[in-house]
Amino acid sequence: ISDNPTVNESATEGVVYYDALHHAREPAGMAVTIYYMFWLLENYGIDPHATYLVDNREMYFVPVVNPDGYVYNQQTNPNGGGYWRKNRRNNAGGCNGVDLNRNYSYGYNTGGSSNDPCSETYHGTGPFSEPETQSVRDLILTIHPAIGFSTHSVAGTYLNPYGYTSISPEYDIYSEFASDFATVNQYLYGRTSEMLGYTSSGTTRDYLHSEGTYAWTPEIGGSDFWPFISEIMPLVSENLYPMQYLSWVSGAFADFQNYQILGSGYAEAGDTLDFMVTVKNRGLALPANNVLVEVGTDYPHALPVVESVAYDTIPARQLKDNSQNPFRFALDNSAAFMDEISFYVSISQDGVVTVRDTIRCTVARATVIFQDNAEDGTISWSASGTSGMWDTTFVDFYNGAHSFADSRYGSSPNNATAYFRLNQNINLTETLHPRVEFWAKWAIEDGYDYARLQISTNNGSTWTTMTGNYTHIVSGQQSYSAIHHWVKESIDLSAYNGSNVQFRFLFDTDGGLNGDGFYFDEFKVADYSQTPVGIEEDPPLAPLHLELYQNYPNPFNPATTIAYQLPLRYHGEKVRLQVYNSLGQRVRTLVDGVQTPGAQEVRWDGTNDAGQALSS
């Protein structure tokens, strides 16, 4: 599926591969695949995302890899429910069929398959002995996809390479993507042995990876291989976003990475709030072009000064921020202490919005009591319990190059109980509105395994589990479980004012599924207060110099906004803002009078003083 399906445009368009029904009794994978195909085709020219993907991707689909096996199930069970798995190869000895998902060359016959032609996992007489796998191989060697799904059912998980060993190659990439696209359907991800409890060799997924294609085996959920009719639409719907996600990252995908409040790191009433947004091109193959980030708010006391910044081009897998031209909002004097401001971030590439996110800022003076961004190792922490757990990791992080994680590389171990304790006491004896804050992501078997943040007021003799914005009850206590991708946790500590406290993270698993585990970054304890009356660190809203900012939008139609800041020395002085053409002729006076020092902006509709439209 592409705008030019008969033309090879892989030099400028991302290539992605999808297949299903290697196993004839797993039609849910076919339904998910065809549903995505329908979404693309039915929404082309209507939905901007579908239109962009069709115009800028080469998306290859093989919805039925095993037609003979599927037709056999149709013949034996015309109303559904046939349990034939393999193809219909006539093997010697009277047993039919080869398991096509054991017939690929990489890792062939290394365990996790059978030499017995009567076995459900019979791998065939040799790699690519079957016409079906030969066809897939030939297609892959022709199109060279960057990423792909080979879809099965019915476990409700994602399998990443390798199926036959304990090695997880390039786990940083696999974890980054899966922890993001699995947030909708809440499927855990990991190797076959971790998700299904057995090994598999000669699989499509491992072969694709060996050819340079990042590949998963999505195991679609449901009650059975043949789900009830009432399950079909929920199953295909919950898997639409992961299918879309692969199409995006096969080319260029400008995505939100993080944000940082600049200057003092906080803002009070009357302050100017500057912050930068870091964008990552998560795409594997191509640069993201014409990247634009826009920020808005419905908070009535935040005046936008700089709310749109062009990031232009971001190379594949690279980061870019706007620290040299930050977003700027002026808070007026009516901004109330401890108000929570929501800033809405929109990121687009080539005119199409790729992601929307929200940044939140509290109107207050933030005094940092303790912080750790994981870049200096575990010097401030002590690990105990199950050995080999809790360390820094490079696999994923919110900011910088490291985060803390219960498992440094790969999934968490089974039957583990591990603690990660902050070594120092945190003094809250003179705090007003203290909070503990951190960014975290996790993929944990929901309802069975969990992470918890705990607090102690008696130097660790007893611990209390804390309730956060993203916790829910697991095993009787508030816990982090299920799947979330980099969210900011913020927990009020006002109940502990007057105390010295300690913190620790607890991670616990049973003997079931192994998840990716719990990551946290930018751990901080801060007190939120007001600057005392009569103490003024910096003149509010008043820079030392006159500042005139780039008008936005630019170019514009029908109007643009010109923002500027006036220093204190302009108090009581007349201000004149005029527009000149390329010949040096004044064409419009926008401001001519006394203005208050601080942030100002004026809107211009492109007309001269006589109200006549000017040519560009």
Foldseek 3Di string as FASTA:
>chain_A
DAPCQVDPPVVQAFEEEEEEALWQLQLLSLLLQVVLVCVLVVCQVPDPLSVCLRHGHHYYYHSHLAVQQNVVQCVVPVPGDRRGTFHADQDPPRAGGESQFQQAAFQHPVFAADCDSNDSRNHDPHHPPDPSVVVVVVVCVVNVHQAYEYEGAAQQAKAFDDQADPDHPLQLLVVQLCLVLCPQSLHFYYHCCQRPVGGGGNGPRSNSVVSNYGYIYGHFHADDSDHDPVCSVVRSVSCNSSVSSSSPQSEWAWAWQAKFWDDLRAAAALAKTWMKTKIFGQHDHFKFAFKKKFKDWPPPQKAWFAGIDTPGIDGHGGMDMVPVPTTIIGGHNPQDAQDKTKMKMFIDGPPHTRDIDIDIHTRFRKAFQDKDFCPVKLPQKDKDWDPPFWIWEQSDGRDDRIWIFRHRGGWDDAQTKMKIWGNDWGAQQPFDWKKKKWKKWFRAAPQFWFKFKWKDQPNPPDIDTDAWPQFDDHPHDTTHYGTDDIDMIIGTPNVQHNTTMIMMMITGHHHHRTGRGMIIGTITMIGTHHDDPPDDPDNRQADPDKFWDDWPPPPDPFKIKTKIFHHPVLQVPWDWDFDADPVRHTFAIFGTGRDHGGIDMTMDRQHGPVRHHDDD
